């Protein structure tokens, strides 16, 4: 399925890497549509017992392991393998793993936020001083422009 829809149409990541940026953007859109079509076919086939109303974009989110919005062949096969082959205990463990990963990412974001706040607080005086200096320079520039205008008007 993946081979027919992705590789045979020149939409593999390897093939896309060889294209110009403009061509790659077009092909990435085609690739997303092809992956969505594959997922849609799987949902419609009924071979996987998804909850009623499940749409391809929801399954893509489930298969996108690193959250970058792209589903690789590895993401696809590993994700569907886990969906189809995991028993209830294994699914429960995967939920715990996902929760732990989310907690870690939230903590990383929080740490970066604290660093940013500290940086801004540490540099507030510098920013204020820079603002004052720029304001003084603007005033001097305005005076210079007025002087130039006066000289031009006297010369006419």
N, C-alpha and C. Protein backbone atom coordinates (compact mmCIF):
# COMPACT_ATOMS: atom_id res chain seq x y z
N UNK A 1 0.82 -1.18 0.00
CA UNK A 1 0.00 0.00 0.00
C UNK A 1 0.88 1.26 0.00
N UNK A 2 1.81 1.34 0.95
CA UNK A 2 2.70 2.50 1.03
C UNK A 2 3.55 2.61 -0.23
N UNK A 3 4.09 1.46 -0.66
CA UNK A 3 4.94 1.45 -1.85
C UNK A 3 4.19 1.99 -3.06
N UNK A 4 2.94 1.53 -3.25
CA UNK A 4 2.17 1.94 -4.42
C UNK A 4 1.80 3.41 -4.37
N UNK A 5 1.44 3.89 -3.21
CA UNK A 5 0.94 5.26 -3.10
C UNK A 5 2.04 6.31 -2.90
N UNK A 6 3.13 5.93 -2.29
CA UNK A 6 4.17 6.91 -1.96
C UNK A 6 5.39 6.74 -2.88
N UNK A 7 6.04 5.60 -2.79
CA UNK A 7 7.30 5.41 -3.52
C UNK A 7 7.11 5.39 -5.03
N UNK A 8 6.09 4.70 -5.52
CA UNK A 8 5.92 4.61 -6.97
C UNK A 8 5.55 5.95 -7.59
N UNK A 9 5.05 6.87 -6.79
CA UNK A 9 4.68 8.19 -7.30
C UNK A 9 5.78 9.22 -7.06
N UNK A 10 6.96 8.74 -6.61
CA UNK A 10 8.09 9.65 -6.40
C UNK A 10 7.91 10.57 -5.21
N UNK A 11 7.19 10.09 -4.19
CA UNK A 11 6.89 10.93 -3.03
C UNK A 11 7.63 10.49 -1.77
N UNK A 12 8.63 9.62 -1.92
CA UNK A 12 9.40 9.20 -0.75
C UNK A 12 10.22 10.40 -0.27
N UNK A 13 10.62 10.36 0.99
CA UNK A 13 11.43 11.46 1.53
C UNK A 13 12.75 11.57 0.77
N UNK A 14 13.29 10.44 0.38
CA UNK A 14 14.55 10.44 -0.38
C UNK A 14 14.37 11.15 -1.71
N UNK A 15 13.25 10.86 -2.40
CA UNK A 15 12.98 11.50 -3.69
C UNK A 15 12.74 12.99 -3.52
N UNK A 16 12.03 13.37 -2.46
CA UNK A 16 11.74 14.78 -2.23
C UNK A 16 13.00 15.58 -1.91
N UNK A 17 13.96 14.94 -1.26
CA UNK A 17 15.20 15.62 -0.89
C UNK A 17 16.00 16.05 -2.12
N UNK A 18 15.78 15.41 -3.25
CA UNK A 18 16.52 15.73 -4.47
C UNK A 18 15.92 16.88 -5.27
N UNK A 19 14.76 17.35 -4.87
CA UNK A 19 14.05 18.37 -5.63
C UNK A 19 14.41 19.78 -5.16
N UNK A 20 14.09 20.75 -6.02
CA UNK A 20 14.26 22.15 -5.62
C UNK A 20 13.23 22.45 -4.53
N UNK A 21 13.42 23.55 -3.84
CA UNK A 21 12.51 23.89 -2.73
C UNK A 21 11.07 24.03 -3.22
N UNK A 22 10.89 24.68 -4.35
CA UNK A 22 9.54 24.89 -4.90
C UNK A 22 8.89 23.57 -5.29
N UNK A 23 9.65 22.70 -5.98
CA UNK A 23 9.12 21.39 -6.37
C UNK A 23 8.83 20.53 -5.14
N UNK A 24 9.72 20.63 -4.15
CA UNK A 24 9.55 19.84 -2.92
C UNK A 24 8.27 20.23 -2.19
N UNK A 25 7.97 21.53 -2.16
CA UNK A 25 6.75 22.00 -1.50
C UNK A 25 5.51 21.41 -2.17
N UNK A 26 5.51 21.40 -3.50
CA UNK A 26 4.39 20.83 -4.24
C UNK A 26 4.26 19.33 -3.96
N UNK A 27 5.39 18.63 -4.00
CA UNK A 27 5.39 17.19 -3.78
C UNK A 27 5.04 16.83 -2.34
N UNK A 28 5.42 17.67 -1.37
CA UNK A 28 5.06 17.40 0.02
C UNK A 28 3.54 17.49 0.20
N UNK A 29 2.93 18.41 -0.51
CA UNK A 29 1.46 18.51 -0.47
C UNK A 29 0.84 17.25 -1.07
N UNK A 30 1.41 16.78 -2.18
CA UNK A 30 0.93 15.53 -2.78
C UNK A 30 1.13 14.35 -1.84
N UNK A 31 2.27 14.33 -1.15
CA UNK A 31 2.56 13.25 -0.22
C UNK A 31 1.55 13.23 0.93
N UNK A 32 1.27 14.41 1.50
CA UNK A 32 0.28 14.49 2.58
C UNK A 32 -1.08 13.96 2.12
N UNK A 33 -1.46 14.34 0.90
CA UNK A 33 -2.74 13.87 0.35
C UNK A 33 -2.72 12.36 0.15
N UNK A 34 -1.58 11.82 -0.30
CA UNK A 34 -1.47 10.37 -0.50
C UNK A 34 -1.55 9.62 0.83
N UNK A 35 -0.86 10.12 1.84
CA UNK A 35 -0.92 9.49 3.17
C UNK A 35 -2.34 9.56 3.71
N UNK A 36 -2.98 10.71 3.53
CA UNK A 36 -4.37 10.85 3.98
C UNK A 36 -5.26 9.85 3.26
N UNK A 37 -5.01 9.64 1.97
CA UNK A 37 -5.78 8.66 1.20
C UNK A 37 -5.57 7.24 1.71
N UNK A 38 -4.33 6.90 2.03
CA UNK A 38 -4.03 5.57 2.57
C UNK A 38 -4.77 5.37 3.89
N UNK A 39 -4.68 6.34 4.76
CA UNK A 39 -5.35 6.24 6.06
C UNK A 39 -6.86 6.18 5.88
N UNK A 40 -7.39 6.95 4.97
CA UNK A 40 -8.82 6.94 4.68
C UNK A 40 -9.26 5.56 4.20
N UNK A 41 -8.46 4.97 3.30
CA UNK A 41 -8.77 3.62 2.81
C UNK A 41 -8.78 2.60 3.95
N UNK A 42 -7.83 2.72 4.87
CA UNK A 42 -7.77 1.80 6.01
C UNK A 42 -9.00 1.97 6.90
N UNK A 43 -9.38 3.21 7.15
CA UNK A 43 -10.57 3.47 7.98
C UNK A 43 -11.81 2.88 7.32
N UNK A 44 -11.96 3.17 6.02
CA UNK A 44 -13.15 2.72 5.29
C UNK A 44 -13.20 1.21 5.13
N UNK A 45 -12.04 0.56 5.13
CA UNK A 45 -12.02 -0.90 4.96
C UNK A 45 -12.62 -1.64 6.15
N UNK A 46 -12.60 -1.01 7.31
CA UNK A 46 -13.13 -1.66 8.50
C UNK A 46 -12.20 -2.71 9.09
N UNK A 47 -11.01 -2.85 8.52
CA UNK A 47 -10.05 -3.84 9.03
C UNK A 47 -9.49 -3.44 10.39
N UNK A 48 -9.49 -2.14 10.66
CA UNK A 48 -9.08 -1.64 11.96
C UNK A 48 -10.35 -1.08 12.60
N UNK A 49 -10.59 -1.47 13.81
CA UNK A 49 -11.82 -1.09 14.50
C UNK A 49 -11.68 0.28 15.17
N UNK A 50 -11.64 1.32 14.35
CA UNK A 50 -11.58 2.68 14.88
C UNK A 50 -12.95 3.06 15.42
N UNK A 51 -13.00 3.99 16.37
CA UNK A 51 -14.30 4.46 16.86
C UNK A 51 -15.08 5.10 15.72
N UNK A 52 -16.40 5.02 15.78
CA UNK A 52 -17.22 5.65 14.73
C UNK A 52 -16.89 7.14 14.61
N UNK A 53 -16.84 7.61 13.39
CA UNK A 53 -16.58 9.02 13.14
C UNK A 53 -15.11 9.39 13.08
N UNK A 54 -14.21 8.41 13.23
CA UNK A 54 -12.78 8.70 13.15
C UNK A 54 -12.45 9.17 11.74
N UNK A 55 -11.69 10.25 11.65
CA UNK A 55 -11.33 10.81 10.34
C UNK A 55 -9.81 10.66 10.12
N UNK A 56 -9.37 10.69 8.87
CA UNK A 56 -7.95 10.48 8.58
C UNK A 56 -7.00 11.42 9.32
N UNK A 57 -7.39 12.67 9.49
CA UNK A 57 -6.50 13.62 10.18
C UNK A 57 -6.26 13.21 11.63
N UNK A 58 -7.26 12.62 12.26
CA UNK A 58 -7.09 12.15 13.64
C UNK A 58 -6.11 10.99 13.70
N UNK A 59 -6.20 10.09 12.73
CA UNK A 59 -5.29 8.95 12.70
C UNK A 59 -3.88 9.42 12.36
N UNK A 60 -3.76 10.41 11.48
CA UNK A 60 -2.43 10.97 11.18
C UNK A 60 -1.78 11.52 12.45
N UNK A 61 -2.56 12.21 13.28
CA UNK A 61 -2.03 12.72 14.55
C UNK A 61 -1.53 11.57 15.42
N UNK A 62 -2.27 10.48 15.40
CA UNK A 62 -1.90 9.31 16.18
C UNK A 62 -0.60 8.68 15.66
N UNK A 63 -0.42 8.69 14.36
CA UNK A 63 0.76 8.06 13.75
C UNK A 63 2.00 8.96 13.77
N UNK A 64 1.81 10.24 13.89
CA UNK A 64 2.90 11.21 13.87
C UNK A 64 3.64 11.17 15.21
N UNK A 65 4.69 10.37 15.27
CA UNK A 65 5.37 10.10 16.55
C UNK A 65 6.08 11.31 17.14
N UNK A 66 6.67 12.16 16.32
CA UNK A 66 7.42 13.29 16.89
C UNK A 66 6.67 14.61 16.81
N UNK A 67 5.45 14.60 16.31
CA UNK A 67 4.62 15.80 16.30
C UNK A 67 5.01 16.85 15.29
N UNK A 68 5.77 16.47 14.25
CA UNK A 68 6.20 17.45 13.25
C UNK A 68 5.21 17.61 12.10
N UNK A 69 4.08 16.90 12.17
CA UNK A 69 3.07 17.02 11.13
C UNK A 69 3.30 16.12 9.93
N UNK A 70 4.37 15.33 9.99
CA UNK A 70 4.67 14.43 8.87
C UNK A 70 4.65 12.98 9.36
N UNK A 71 4.20 12.10 8.51
CA UNK A 71 4.16 10.67 8.83
C UNK A 71 5.10 9.95 7.87
N UNK A 72 6.16 9.38 8.43
CA UNK A 72 7.11 8.61 7.62
C UNK A 72 6.62 7.18 7.49
N UNK A 73 7.27 6.42 6.64
CA UNK A 73 6.93 5.00 6.50
C UNK A 73 7.11 4.30 7.84
N UNK A 74 8.17 4.64 8.55
CA UNK A 74 8.42 4.04 9.87
C UNK A 74 7.30 4.40 10.85
N UNK A 75 6.90 5.68 10.86
CA UNK A 75 5.80 6.11 11.73
C UNK A 75 4.54 5.30 11.41
N UNK A 76 4.28 5.17 10.12
CA UNK A 76 3.08 4.48 9.64
C UNK A 76 3.06 3.02 10.09
N UNK A 77 4.15 2.31 9.80
CA UNK A 77 4.17 0.88 10.11
C UNK A 77 4.23 0.63 11.61
N UNK A 78 5.04 1.40 12.32
CA UNK A 78 5.12 1.23 13.76
C UNK A 78 3.80 1.59 14.43
N UNK A 79 3.21 2.69 14.00
CA UNK A 79 1.93 3.12 14.59
C UNK A 79 0.82 2.13 14.38
N UNK A 80 0.66 1.69 13.13
CA UNK A 80 -0.40 0.71 12.88
C UNK A 80 -0.08 -0.63 13.51
N UNK A 81 1.20 -0.98 13.59
CA UNK A 81 1.58 -2.22 14.28
C UNK A 81 1.16 -2.17 15.74
N UNK A 82 1.39 -1.06 16.37
CA UNK A 82 0.99 -0.92 17.77
C UNK A 82 -0.52 -0.94 17.92
N UNK A 83 -1.22 -0.29 17.01
CA UNK A 83 -2.69 -0.27 17.07
C UNK A 83 -3.24 -1.69 16.91
N UNK A 84 -2.69 -2.42 15.94
CA UNK A 84 -3.26 -3.73 15.61
C UNK A 84 -2.77 -4.86 16.51
N UNK A 85 -1.55 -4.77 17.00
CA UNK A 85 -0.95 -5.91 17.69
C UNK A 85 -0.90 -5.80 19.20
N UNK A 86 -1.11 -4.61 19.73
CA UNK A 86 -0.97 -4.43 21.18
C UNK A 86 -2.21 -4.98 21.91
N UNK A 87 -1.95 -5.67 23.01
CA UNK A 87 -3.06 -6.12 23.85
C UNK A 87 -3.44 -4.96 24.78
N UNK A 88 -4.52 -5.07 25.54
CA UNK A 88 -4.94 -3.95 26.40
C UNK A 88 -3.86 -3.48 27.38
N UNK A 89 -3.09 -4.40 27.96
CA UNK A 89 -2.03 -4.00 28.88
C UNK A 89 -0.97 -3.18 28.15
N UNK A 90 -0.57 -3.62 26.97
CA UNK A 90 0.44 -2.90 26.19
C UNK A 90 -0.07 -1.52 25.78
N UNK A 91 -1.36 -1.45 25.42
CA UNK A 91 -1.94 -0.15 25.08
C UNK A 91 -1.92 0.78 26.29
N UNK A 92 -2.19 0.23 27.46
CA UNK A 92 -2.15 1.01 28.69
C UNK A 92 -0.74 1.54 28.93
N UNK A 93 0.26 0.69 28.75
CA UNK A 93 1.66 1.11 28.93
C UNK A 93 2.01 2.21 27.92
N UNK A 94 1.55 2.06 26.68
CA UNK A 94 1.82 3.10 25.67
C UNK A 94 1.18 4.42 26.09
N UNK A 95 0.01 4.38 26.69
CA UNK A 95 -0.62 5.61 27.19
C UNK A 95 0.23 6.25 28.27
N UNK A 96 0.77 5.43 29.18
CA UNK A 96 1.63 5.96 30.23
C UNK A 96 2.91 6.56 29.64
N UNK A 97 3.46 5.89 28.64
CA UNK A 97 4.66 6.41 27.98
C UNK A 97 4.36 7.76 27.33
N UNK A 98 3.23 7.84 26.63
CA UNK A 98 2.85 9.11 25.99
C UNK A 98 2.65 10.21 27.02
N UNK A 99 2.02 9.88 28.14
CA UNK A 99 1.84 10.88 29.20
C UNK A 99 3.20 11.35 29.72
N UNK A 100 4.12 10.43 29.92
CA UNK A 100 5.45 10.79 30.41
C UNK A 100 6.18 11.68 29.41
N UNK A 101 6.05 11.37 28.13
CA UNK A 101 6.69 12.19 27.10
C UNK A 101 6.10 13.60 27.10
N UNK A 102 4.79 13.70 27.25
CA UNK A 102 4.14 15.01 27.28
C UNK A 102 4.59 15.80 28.50
N UNK A 103 4.65 15.13 29.66
CA UNK A 103 5.12 15.81 30.88
C UNK A 103 6.53 16.35 30.68
N UNK A 104 7.40 15.54 30.08
CA UNK A 104 8.78 15.98 29.85
C UNK A 104 8.83 17.19 28.92
N UNK A 105 8.03 17.16 27.86
CA UNK A 105 8.01 18.28 26.93
C UNK A 105 7.47 19.54 27.59
N UNK A 106 6.45 19.39 28.43
CA UNK A 106 5.91 20.54 29.15
C UNK A 106 6.98 21.11 30.06
N UNK A 107 7.72 20.25 30.76
CA UNK A 107 8.80 20.72 31.63
C UNK A 107 9.89 21.43 30.84
N UNK A 108 10.24 20.91 29.68
CA UNK A 108 11.25 21.55 28.85
C UNK A 108 10.79 22.95 28.42
N UNK A 109 9.54 23.06 28.03
CA UNK A 109 8.98 24.36 27.63
C UNK A 109 8.99 25.31 28.82
N UNK A 110 8.61 24.80 29.98
CA UNK A 110 8.60 25.62 31.19
C UNK A 110 10.01 26.13 31.51
N UNK A 111 11.01 25.25 31.40
CA UNK A 111 12.40 25.65 31.65
C UNK A 111 12.85 26.74 30.68
N UNK A 112 12.50 26.57 29.40
CA UNK A 112 12.86 27.58 28.40
C UNK A 112 12.16 28.90 28.69
N UNK A 113 10.92 28.83 29.11
CA UNK A 113 10.17 30.04 29.45
C UNK A 113 10.84 30.76 30.62
N UNK A 114 11.20 30.00 31.66
CA UNK A 114 11.86 30.61 32.82
C UNK A 114 13.19 31.26 32.42
N UNK A 115 13.94 30.59 31.53
CA UNK A 115 15.20 31.17 31.06
C UNK A 115 14.95 32.47 30.30
N UNK A 116 13.90 32.50 29.49
CA UNK A 116 13.56 33.70 28.72
C UNK A 116 13.17 34.84 29.66
N UNK A 117 12.33 34.54 30.65
CA UNK A 117 11.91 35.56 31.61
C UNK A 117 13.13 36.10 32.35
N UNK A 118 14.04 35.21 32.76
CA UNK A 118 15.24 35.63 33.47
C UNK A 118 16.09 36.54 32.58
N UNK A 119 16.23 36.15 31.32
CA UNK A 119 17.02 36.94 30.37
C UNK A 119 16.41 38.34 30.21
N UNK A 120 15.11 38.41 30.05
CA UNK A 120 14.45 39.71 29.90
C UNK A 120 14.63 40.54 31.16
N UNK A 121 14.43 39.92 32.33
CA UNK A 121 14.61 40.66 33.58
C UNK A 121 16.04 41.13 33.77
N UNK A 122 17.00 40.27 33.41
CA UNK A 122 18.41 40.64 33.55
C UNK A 122 18.81 41.78 32.62
N UNK A 123 18.10 41.91 31.51
CA UNK A 123 18.48 42.90 30.51
C UNK A 123 17.52 44.08 30.41
N UNK A 124 16.59 44.20 31.34
CA UNK A 124 15.61 45.28 31.29
C UNK A 124 16.29 46.64 31.27
N UNK A 125 17.28 46.83 32.13
CA UNK A 125 17.98 48.12 32.17
C UNK A 125 18.67 48.41 30.84
N UNK A 126 19.26 47.38 30.23
CA UNK A 126 19.92 47.58 28.93
C UNK A 126 18.90 47.98 27.87
N UNK A 127 17.73 47.31 27.88
CA UNK A 127 16.69 47.64 26.90
C UNK A 127 16.19 49.07 27.11
N UNK A 128 16.01 49.46 28.37
CA UNK A 128 15.55 50.82 28.67
C UNK A 128 16.58 51.85 28.20
N UNK A 129 17.84 51.59 28.50
CA UNK A 129 18.93 52.48 28.10
C UNK A 129 18.99 52.59 26.58
N UNK A 130 18.84 51.47 25.91
CA UNK A 130 18.86 51.47 24.45
C UNK A 130 17.69 52.29 23.91
N UNK A 131 16.52 52.15 24.53
CA UNK A 131 15.36 52.93 24.11
C UNK A 131 15.58 54.41 24.28
N UNK A 132 16.18 54.78 25.39
CA UNK A 132 16.47 56.18 25.65
C UNK A 132 17.46 56.72 24.61
N UNK A 133 18.49 55.96 24.33
CA UNK A 133 19.49 56.36 23.34
C UNK A 133 18.86 56.53 21.96
N UNK A 134 18.00 55.59 21.58
CA UNK A 134 17.33 55.69 20.28
C UNK A 134 16.42 56.92 20.21
N UNK A 135 15.76 57.21 21.30
CA UNK A 135 14.89 58.39 21.35
C UNK A 135 15.71 59.66 21.17
N UNK A 136 16.86 59.74 21.85
CA UNK A 136 17.74 60.90 21.70
C UNK A 136 18.25 61.02 20.27
N UNK A 137 18.60 59.90 19.67
CA UNK A 137 19.08 59.92 18.28
C UNK A 137 17.98 60.39 17.33
N UNK A 138 16.75 59.96 17.56
CA UNK A 138 15.63 60.41 16.72
C UNK A 138 15.42 61.91 16.85
N UNK A 139 15.53 62.44 18.06
CA UNK A 139 15.39 63.89 18.27
C UNK A 139 16.47 64.65 17.52
N UNK A 140 17.71 64.15 17.60
CA UNK A 140 18.83 64.80 16.90
C UNK A 140 18.63 64.74 15.39
N UNK A 141 18.14 63.60 14.91
CA UNK A 141 17.89 63.43 13.48
C UNK A 141 16.81 64.40 13.02
N UNK A 142 15.76 64.57 13.80
CA UNK A 142 14.70 65.51 13.44
C UNK A 142 15.24 66.94 13.37
N UNK A 143 16.08 67.30 14.34
CA UNK A 143 16.68 68.64 14.32
C UNK A 143 17.56 68.81 13.09
N UNK A 144 18.32 67.78 12.75
CA UNK A 144 19.18 67.84 11.57
C UNK A 144 18.34 68.00 10.31
N UNK A 145 17.22 67.26 10.22
CA UNK A 145 16.35 67.37 9.06
C UNK A 145 15.74 68.76 8.97
N UNK A 146 15.37 69.34 10.10
CA UNK A 146 14.82 70.71 10.10
C UNK A 146 15.87 71.70 9.61
N UNK A 147 17.11 71.52 10.07
CA UNK A 147 18.19 72.41 9.67
C UNK A 147 18.43 72.31 8.16
N UNK A 148 18.42 71.07 7.66
CA UNK A 148 18.61 70.87 6.21
C UNK A 148 17.49 71.53 5.43
N UNK A 149 16.26 71.41 5.90
CA UNK A 149 15.12 72.04 5.24
C UNK A 149 15.26 73.57 5.25
N UNK A 150 15.71 74.11 6.36
CA UNK A 150 15.89 75.57 6.47
C UNK A 150 16.95 76.04 5.48
N UNK A 151 18.04 75.28 5.39
CA UNK A 151 19.12 75.65 4.45
C UNK A 151 18.62 75.59 3.03
N UNK A 152 17.85 74.56 2.71
CA UNK A 152 17.32 74.43 1.35
C UNK A 152 16.37 75.57 1.02
N UNK A 153 15.53 75.92 1.99
CA UNK A 153 14.54 76.99 1.73
C UNK A 153 15.22 78.36 1.60
N UNK A 154 16.35 78.59 2.29
CA UNK A 154 17.08 79.85 2.17
C UNK A 154 17.80 79.93 0.82
N UNK A 155 18.20 78.76 0.34
CA UNK A 155 18.94 78.72 -0.93
C UNK A 155 18.07 78.95 -2.13
N UNK A 156 16.79 78.84 -2.00
CA UNK A 156 15.89 79.01 -3.16
C UNK A 156 15.57 80.41 -3.40
